[in-house]
N, C-alpha and C. Protein backbone atom coordinates (compact mmCIF):
# COMPACT_ATOMS: atom_id res chain seq x y z
N MET A 1 0.79 -1.08 0.12
CA MET A 1 0.08 -0.14 -0.18
C MET A 1 1.09 1.01 0.15
N VAL A 2 0.47 2.25 -0.82
CA VAL A 2 1.16 3.61 -1.15
C VAL A 2 0.75 4.47 -0.29
N ARG A 3 1.44 5.05 0.72
CA ARG A 3 1.05 6.24 1.46
C ARG A 3 1.13 7.67 0.75
N THR A 4 0.27 8.42 0.87
CA THR A 4 0.68 9.96 0.08
C THR A 4 0.48 10.90 1.31
N THR A 5 0.99 12.04 1.38
CA THR A 5 0.76 12.91 2.21
C THR A 5 -0.41 13.64 2.17
N HIS A 6 -1.05 14.83 2.80
CA HIS A 6 -2.32 15.37 2.54
C HIS A 6 -2.14 16.29 1.40
N ILE A 7 -0.67 17.23 1.46
CA ILE A 7 -0.47 17.81 0.40
C ILE A 7 -0.26 17.26 -0.92
N GLY A 8 0.36 16.20 -0.93
CA GLY A 8 0.47 15.24 -2.12
C GLY A 8 -0.53 15.09 -2.76
N ARG A 9 -1.89 14.44 -1.88
CA ARG A 9 -3.31 14.29 -2.37
C ARG A 9 -3.81 15.66 -2.64
N GLN A 10 -3.64 16.79 -2.39
CA GLN A 10 -4.23 17.91 -2.77
C GLN A 10 -3.45 18.43 -4.27
N ILE A 11 -2.28 18.00 -4.33
CA ILE A 11 -1.81 18.29 -5.46
C ILE A 11 -2.23 17.61 -6.51
N ALA A 12 -2.57 16.39 -6.08
CA ALA A 12 -2.91 15.33 -7.32
C ALA A 12 -4.09 15.68 -7.69
N LEU A 13 -5.22 16.12 -6.57
CA LEU A 13 -6.48 16.70 -7.08
C LEU A 13 -6.50 17.96 -7.78
N LEU A 14 -5.84 18.92 -7.63
CA LEU A 14 -5.83 20.05 -8.28
C LEU A 14 -5.05 19.89 -10.00
N ALA A 15 -4.15 18.66 -9.99
CA ALA A 15 -3.87 18.64 -11.33
C ALA A 15 -4.84 17.58 -12.20
N ILE A 16 -5.43 17.00 -11.80
CA ILE A 16 -6.59 16.55 -12.22
C ILE A 16 -7.78 17.32 -12.54
N ALA A 17 -8.13 18.12 -11.80
CA ALA A 17 -9.10 19.31 -11.89
C ALA A 17 -8.52 20.66 -13.13
N GLY A 18 -7.30 20.91 -12.96
CA GLY A 18 -6.77 21.65 -14.09
C GLY A 18 -6.85 20.71 -15.43
N GLY A 19 -6.75 19.64 -15.51
CA GLY A 19 -6.72 18.91 -16.69
C GLY A 19 -8.07 18.97 -17.27
N LEU A 20 -9.21 18.60 -16.27
CA LEU A 20 -10.42 18.87 -16.88
C LEU A 20 -10.72 20.28 -17.45
N LEU A 21 -10.30 21.23 -17.03
CA LEU A 21 -10.65 22.51 -17.21
C LEU A 21 -10.15 23.00 -18.73
N VAL A 22 -9.33 22.22 -19.02
CA VAL A 22 -8.79 22.54 -20.30
C VAL A 22 -9.51 22.08 -21.82
N PRO A 23 -10.38 22.88 -22.35
CA PRO A 23 -11.23 22.85 -23.45
C PRO A 23 -10.73 21.48 -24.15
N ALA A 24 -11.65 20.64 -24.52
CA ALA A 24 -11.48 19.56 -25.49
C ALA A 24 -11.59 19.70 -26.94
N SER A 25 -12.08 20.68 -27.21
CA SER A 25 -12.26 21.26 -28.64
C SER A 25 -10.86 21.24 -29.30
N SER A 26 -9.80 21.88 -28.87
CA SER A 26 -8.71 22.14 -29.28
C SER A 26 -7.85 20.43 -29.25
N ALA A 27 -8.31 19.83 -27.98
CA ALA A 27 -7.29 18.70 -28.06
C ALA A 27 -7.65 17.71 -29.31
N VAL A 28 -9.18 17.44 -29.41
CA VAL A 28 -9.65 16.90 -30.21
C VAL A 28 -9.26 16.98 -31.46
N ALA A 29 -9.22 18.33 -31.94
CA ALA A 29 -9.20 18.72 -33.12
C ALA A 29 -7.76 18.59 -33.83
N GLY A 30 -6.99 18.77 -32.69
CA GLY A 30 -5.47 18.47 -33.06
C GLY A 30 -4.69 19.71 -33.58
N ASN A 31 -5.37 20.56 -33.06
CA ASN A 31 -4.76 22.02 -33.67
C ASN A 31 -3.75 22.61 -32.64
N GLY A 32 -3.88 22.42 -31.73
CA GLY A 32 -2.95 22.70 -30.53
C GLY A 32 -3.22 23.86 -30.08
N PRO A 33 -2.28 24.49 -29.38
CA PRO A 33 -2.73 25.76 -28.53
C PRO A 33 -2.90 27.01 -29.64
N ALA A 34 -4.13 27.56 -29.15
CA ALA A 34 -4.46 28.83 -30.16
C ALA A 34 -3.70 30.07 -29.79
N ALA A 35 -3.78 30.94 -30.68
CA ALA A 35 -3.02 31.97 -30.33
C ALA A 35 -3.81 32.77 -29.16
N THR A 36 -3.08 33.73 -28.59
CA THR A 36 -3.82 34.61 -27.31
C THR A 36 -4.41 35.50 -27.80
N LYS A 37 -4.15 36.34 -28.87
CA LYS A 37 -4.93 37.25 -29.85
C LYS A 37 -5.43 37.14 -31.20
N SER A 38 -6.33 36.46 -31.26
CA SER A 38 -6.66 36.01 -32.88
C SER A 38 -8.02 36.13 -33.07
N GLY A 39 -8.31 36.05 -34.45
CA GLY A 39 -9.83 35.93 -34.75
C GLY A 39 -9.89 34.73 -35.54
N ALA A 40 -10.97 34.63 -36.21
CA ALA A 40 -11.25 33.35 -37.31
C ALA A 40 -10.42 34.09 -38.84
N LEU A 41 -10.39 35.01 -38.80
CA LEU A 41 -9.97 35.60 -40.49
C LEU A 41 -8.54 36.54 -40.12
N ILE A 42 -8.11 37.15 -38.83
CA ILE A 42 -6.86 38.02 -38.98
C ILE A 42 -6.43 37.45 -37.54
N ASN A 43 -5.05 37.45 -37.47
CA ASN A 43 -4.08 37.15 -36.59
C ASN A 43 -3.24 37.91 -36.05
N TYR A 44 -2.70 38.40 -34.89
CA TYR A 44 -1.29 38.99 -35.18
C TYR A 44 -0.13 37.92 -34.87
N VAL A 45 0.88 38.30 -35.87
CA VAL A 45 2.20 37.48 -35.63
C VAL A 45 2.66 37.13 -34.39
N SER A 46 2.69 38.35 -33.38
CA SER A 46 3.27 38.47 -32.20
C SER A 46 2.60 39.43 -31.44
N THR A 47 2.04 39.22 -30.16
CA THR A 47 1.75 39.96 -29.40
C THR A 47 2.78 40.59 -28.16
N GLY A 48 3.92 40.41 -28.50
CA GLY A 48 5.15 40.77 -27.53
C GLY A 48 5.20 42.26 -27.67
N LYS A 49 6.37 42.84 -27.03
CA LYS A 49 7.00 44.18 -27.01
C LYS A 49 7.19 44.42 -28.41
N LEU A 50 6.90 45.90 -28.76
CA LEU A 50 7.51 46.29 -29.90
C LEU A 50 8.83 46.94 -29.59
N LYS A 51 9.75 46.86 -30.66
CA LYS A 51 11.37 47.64 -30.35
C LYS A 51 10.77 48.90 -30.94
N VAL A 52 11.47 49.83 -30.03
CA VAL A 52 11.27 51.49 -30.61
C VAL A 52 12.33 51.39 -31.56
N GLY A 53 12.05 51.89 -32.58
CA GLY A 53 12.93 52.53 -33.55
C GLY A 53 12.48 53.41 -34.40
N LYS A 54 13.25 53.95 -35.85
CA LYS A 54 12.70 54.75 -36.81
C LYS A 54 11.31 54.24 -37.58
N THR A 55 11.13 52.95 -37.51
CA THR A 55 9.96 52.34 -38.08
C THR A 55 9.58 51.21 -37.50
N MET A 56 8.41 51.03 -36.83
CA MET A 56 7.74 50.05 -36.20
C MET A 56 6.79 49.39 -36.87
N GLU A 57 6.61 47.92 -36.66
CA GLU A 57 5.57 47.31 -37.42
C GLU A 57 4.70 46.39 -36.64
N ILE A 58 3.51 46.60 -36.64
CA ILE A 58 2.20 45.73 -35.96
C ILE A 58 2.26 44.70 -36.94
N GLN A 59 2.68 43.55 -37.13
CA GLN A 59 2.22 42.44 -38.13
C GLN A 59 1.17 41.44 -37.94
N VAL A 60 0.51 41.50 -39.03
CA VAL A 60 -0.72 40.45 -38.83
C VAL A 60 -1.13 39.54 -39.73
N VAL A 61 -1.61 38.42 -39.81
CA VAL A 61 -1.90 37.68 -41.08
C VAL A 61 -2.97 37.09 -41.48
N CYS A 62 -3.52 37.11 -42.38
CA CYS A 62 -5.18 36.76 -42.76
C CYS A 62 -5.10 35.67 -43.37
N SER A 63 -6.07 34.67 -42.71
CA SER A 63 -6.16 33.21 -43.35
C SER A 63 -6.73 33.11 -44.42
N ALA A 64 -7.43 34.02 -45.31
CA ALA A 64 -7.82 34.33 -46.33
C ALA A 64 -7.79 35.93 -46.99
N ASP A 65 -7.74 36.04 -48.33
CA ASP A 65 -7.73 37.11 -48.71
C ASP A 65 -8.34 38.38 -48.17
N CYS A 66 -8.13 39.54 -47.79
CA CYS A 66 -8.75 40.42 -46.89
C CYS A 66 -8.46 42.10 -47.24
N ASN A 67 -9.39 42.69 -46.58
CA ASN A 67 -9.26 43.93 -46.66
C ASN A 67 -9.07 44.44 -45.15
N VAL A 68 -8.21 45.22 -44.75
CA VAL A 68 -7.94 45.33 -43.41
C VAL A 68 -8.02 46.91 -43.19
N THR A 69 -8.47 47.29 -41.87
CA THR A 69 -8.33 48.54 -41.44
C THR A 69 -7.92 48.47 -40.14
N SER A 70 -6.82 49.52 -39.82
CA SER A 70 -6.02 49.03 -38.62
C SER A 70 -5.92 50.66 -38.06
N ARG A 71 -6.04 50.73 -36.84
CA ARG A 71 -6.13 51.97 -35.88
C ARG A 71 -4.78 51.81 -34.75
N VAL A 72 -4.22 52.82 -34.82
CA VAL A 72 -3.24 52.68 -33.70
C VAL A 72 -3.48 54.09 -32.92
N VAL A 73 -3.39 54.00 -31.63
CA VAL A 73 -3.62 54.83 -30.97
C VAL A 73 -1.98 55.11 -29.99
N ILE A 74 -1.36 56.16 -30.40
CA ILE A 74 -0.15 55.97 -29.42
C ILE A 74 -0.10 56.78 -27.86
N LYS A 75 -0.54 56.19 -26.89
CA LYS A 75 -0.67 56.63 -25.71
C LYS A 75 0.71 56.89 -24.83
N GLY A 76 0.84 58.30 -24.26
CA GLY A 76 2.24 58.65 -23.47
C GLY A 76 1.75 59.67 -22.61
N PRO A 77 2.65 60.21 -21.75
CA PRO A 77 2.64 61.28 -21.05
C PRO A 77 2.12 62.54 -21.95
N GLY A 78 1.29 63.16 -21.76
CA GLY A 78 0.63 64.05 -22.36
C GLY A 78 0.76 64.02 -23.78
N LEU A 79 0.52 63.00 -24.33
CA LEU A 79 0.31 62.71 -25.67
C LEU A 79 -1.15 61.59 -25.95
N LYS A 80 -1.65 61.86 -27.09
CA LYS A 80 -2.41 60.83 -27.40
C LYS A 80 -2.69 61.12 -29.01
N THR A 81 -2.07 60.33 -29.74
CA THR A 81 -2.20 60.46 -31.12
C THR A 81 -2.65 59.48 -31.91
N THR A 82 -3.42 59.29 -33.16
CA THR A 82 -3.86 58.32 -33.80
C THR A 82 -3.39 58.45 -35.17
N SER A 83 -3.27 57.04 -35.53
CA SER A 83 -2.80 56.70 -37.01
C SER A 83 -3.85 55.87 -37.48
N THR A 84 -4.47 55.62 -38.98
CA THR A 84 -5.30 55.01 -39.39
C THR A 84 -4.84 54.73 -40.98
N VAL A 85 -4.70 53.41 -40.97
CA VAL A 85 -4.40 52.68 -42.28
C VAL A 85 -4.98 51.58 -43.04
N SER A 86 -5.75 51.62 -44.10
CA SER A 86 -6.17 50.37 -44.70
C SER A 86 -5.78 50.06 -45.87
N GLY A 87 -5.82 48.82 -46.27
CA GLY A 87 -5.45 48.27 -47.71
C GLY A 87 -5.55 46.53 -47.78
N PRO A 88 -5.26 45.97 -48.79
CA PRO A 88 -5.74 44.77 -48.99
C PRO A 88 -4.29 43.81 -48.33
N LEU A 89 -4.58 42.39 -47.82
CA LEU A 89 -3.64 41.73 -47.39
C LEU A 89 -3.88 40.36 -47.94
N THR A 90 -2.90 39.59 -48.50
CA THR A 90 -3.19 38.20 -49.12
C THR A 90 -2.88 37.50 -48.02
N ALA A 91 -3.47 36.21 -48.32
CA ALA A 91 -3.77 35.17 -47.32
C ALA A 91 -2.19 34.59 -47.07
N GLY A 92 -1.88 34.32 -45.83
CA GLY A 92 -0.99 33.83 -45.34
C GLY A 92 0.34 34.64 -45.33
N VAL A 93 0.33 35.67 -45.84
CA VAL A 93 1.62 36.63 -46.22
C VAL A 93 1.67 37.72 -44.89
N PRO A 94 2.75 37.94 -44.05
CA PRO A 94 2.42 38.73 -42.88
C PRO A 94 2.55 40.39 -43.70
N GLY A 95 1.96 41.06 -42.76
CA GLY A 95 1.82 42.55 -43.35
C GLY A 95 1.50 43.48 -42.03
N GLY A 96 1.32 44.66 -42.27
CA GLY A 96 0.35 45.19 -40.95
C GLY A 96 0.87 46.82 -40.83
N HIS A 97 0.56 47.30 -40.08
CA HIS A 97 0.78 48.97 -40.15
C HIS A 97 1.97 49.17 -39.39
N ILE A 98 2.59 50.09 -40.40
CA ILE A 98 3.88 50.51 -39.79
C ILE A 98 3.63 51.96 -39.60
N LEU A 99 4.46 52.23 -38.54
CA LEU A 99 4.49 53.37 -37.75
C LEU A 99 5.85 54.00 -37.70
N LYS A 100 6.17 55.39 -38.32
CA LYS A 100 7.33 56.11 -38.39
C LYS A 100 7.13 57.36 -37.40
N PRO A 101 7.46 57.15 -36.30
CA PRO A 101 7.35 58.50 -35.26
C PRO A 101 8.51 59.52 -35.74
N ASN A 102 7.95 60.71 -35.44
CA ASN A 102 8.83 61.90 -35.70
C ASN A 102 10.22 61.95 -34.72
N GLY A 103 11.06 62.53 -34.85
CA GLY A 103 12.12 63.05 -33.89
C GLY A 103 12.22 63.25 -32.54
N PRO A 104 11.21 64.37 -31.83
CA PRO A 104 10.75 64.16 -30.41
C PRO A 104 10.22 63.21 -30.16
N LEU A 105 9.08 62.80 -30.50
CA LEU A 105 8.45 61.41 -30.14
C LEU A 105 9.14 60.16 -29.94
N LEU A 106 10.14 60.06 -30.84
CA LEU A 106 11.38 58.73 -30.85
C LEU A 106 12.15 58.81 -29.72
N LYS A 107 12.46 60.10 -29.76
CA LYS A 107 13.40 60.34 -28.40
C LYS A 107 12.71 60.19 -27.35
N ALA A 108 11.68 60.64 -26.99
CA ALA A 108 10.88 60.59 -25.89
C ALA A 108 10.30 58.78 -25.68
N MET A 109 10.15 58.17 -26.59
CA MET A 109 9.87 57.17 -26.55
C MET A 109 10.85 55.90 -25.93
N LYS A 110 12.07 56.37 -26.62
CA LYS A 110 13.49 55.75 -26.23
C LYS A 110 13.88 56.22 -24.91
N ALA A 111 13.80 57.37 -24.21
CA ALA A 111 14.07 57.64 -23.23
C ALA A 111 13.36 56.99 -22.06
N ASP A 112 12.03 56.75 -22.09
CA ASP A 112 11.07 56.04 -21.31
C ASP A 112 10.02 55.54 -21.98
N THR A 113 10.56 54.11 -22.03
CA THR A 113 9.39 53.11 -23.05
C THR A 113 8.37 52.73 -21.76
N ALA A 114 8.51 52.73 -20.75
CA ALA A 114 7.32 52.17 -19.97
C ALA A 114 6.28 53.10 -19.77
N LYS A 115 6.51 54.35 -20.14
CA LYS A 115 5.39 55.32 -20.27
C LYS A 115 4.36 55.42 -21.57
N PHE A 116 5.18 54.45 -22.46
CA PHE A 116 4.20 54.68 -23.82
C PHE A 116 3.58 53.26 -24.02
N ARG A 117 2.22 53.52 -24.66
CA ARG A 117 1.40 52.40 -24.93
C ARG A 117 1.00 52.41 -26.50
N LEU A 118 0.90 51.32 -27.34
CA LEU A 118 0.25 51.40 -28.50
C LEU A 118 -0.94 50.76 -28.81
N VAL A 119 -1.88 51.20 -28.65
CA VAL A 119 -3.16 50.44 -28.52
C VAL A 119 -3.64 50.19 -30.24
N ASN A 120 -3.89 49.28 -30.53
CA ASN A 120 -3.93 48.81 -32.08
C ASN A 120 -5.50 48.20 -31.99
N SER A 121 -6.47 48.41 -32.91
CA SER A 121 -7.46 47.73 -33.26
C SER A 121 -7.73 47.57 -34.67
N MET A 122 -7.77 46.20 -35.17
CA MET A 122 -7.94 45.98 -36.65
C MET A 122 -9.31 45.44 -37.01
N THR A 123 -9.78 45.56 -38.31
CA THR A 123 -10.83 44.78 -38.61
C THR A 123 -10.69 44.26 -40.23
N ALA A 124 -10.68 43.18 -40.28
CA ALA A 124 -10.97 42.65 -41.58
C ALA A 124 -11.82 42.15 -42.33
N THR A 125 -12.05 42.27 -43.47
CA THR A 125 -13.29 41.79 -44.36
C THR A 125 -12.73 41.04 -45.26
N ASP A 126 -13.32 39.96 -45.37
CA ASP A 126 -13.21 39.15 -46.71
C ASP A 126 -13.99 39.14 -48.00
N PRO A 127 -13.41 39.90 -49.05
CA PRO A 127 -14.73 40.05 -49.77
C PRO A 127 -15.39 39.22 -50.82
N ALA A 128 -14.49 37.92 -50.61
CA ALA A 128 -15.42 36.82 -51.21
C ALA A 128 -16.67 36.29 -50.49
N THR A 129 -16.58 36.22 -49.10
CA THR A 129 -17.26 35.91 -48.25
C THR A 129 -18.46 36.97 -47.64
N GLY A 130 -17.72 38.30 -47.29
CA GLY A 130 -18.26 39.11 -46.50
C GLY A 130 -18.00 39.10 -45.29
N ALA A 131 -17.27 37.81 -44.68
CA ALA A 131 -16.80 37.72 -43.05
C ALA A 131 -16.44 39.25 -42.59
N VAL A 132 -16.53 39.69 -41.35
CA VAL A 132 -15.97 40.86 -40.89
C VAL A 132 -15.57 39.94 -39.55
N ASP A 133 -14.10 40.40 -39.36
CA ASP A 133 -13.35 40.11 -38.48
C ASP A 133 -12.79 41.15 -37.25
N SER A 134 -12.78 41.13 -36.02
CA SER A 134 -11.95 42.49 -35.62
C SER A 134 -11.16 41.42 -34.35
N ILE A 135 -9.91 42.32 -34.25
CA ILE A 135 -8.97 42.10 -33.09
C ILE A 135 -8.13 43.45 -32.34
N SER A 136 -7.99 43.11 -31.36
CA SER A 136 -7.46 44.44 -30.99
C SER A 136 -6.41 44.30 -29.73
N HIS A 137 -5.40 44.64 -29.27
CA HIS A 137 -4.31 44.35 -28.36
C HIS A 137 -3.45 45.96 -28.24
N THR A 138 -3.35 45.97 -26.89
CA THR A 138 -2.37 47.19 -26.25
C THR A 138 -0.70 46.66 -26.29
N PHE A 139 -0.17 47.30 -27.13
CA PHE A 139 1.33 46.84 -27.02
C PHE A 139 2.25 47.77 -26.25
N ARG A 140 3.19 46.90 -25.43
CA ARG A 140 4.24 47.87 -24.77
C ARG A 140 5.54 47.93 -25.46
N LEU A 141 6.44 48.70 -25.14
CA LEU A 141 7.49 49.16 -26.21
C LEU A 141 8.74 48.46 -25.14
N LYS A 142 9.87 48.23 -25.68
CA LYS A 142 11.39 47.91 -25.64
C LYS A 142 12.34 48.57 -26.22
N ARG A 143 13.37 48.76 -25.55
CA ARG A 143 14.51 49.34 -26.20
C ARG A 143 15.00 48.62 -27.36
């Protein structure tokens, strides 16, 4: 007979309960883990921190040919500026919103990256089916 401690029994029960909470749909379908910020038509390539530079790109991928409208709001101390871009994306090819901050903004972003955020929202429309999908994410910055 194997003896277990009270704590060992609780850990085993938590592990079993955690296994039951995992959605079965992804395990059955064999798709693996899903992206953290994704939609049916458009997905972010990465939701990590963006590197501050002369050009910064928020990359996305469409699962079908689609028309994308992207809106980025740069928020910082005493600053709130908006940039909107729209255009077509080919299926499976990464593309996205390219930002080119001016000199003073770039210098301020490099000086204190923790004070700035880029809030992005994208809407993709599949012209063939008329399906519409929206995603959004708040990006932090790194040097």
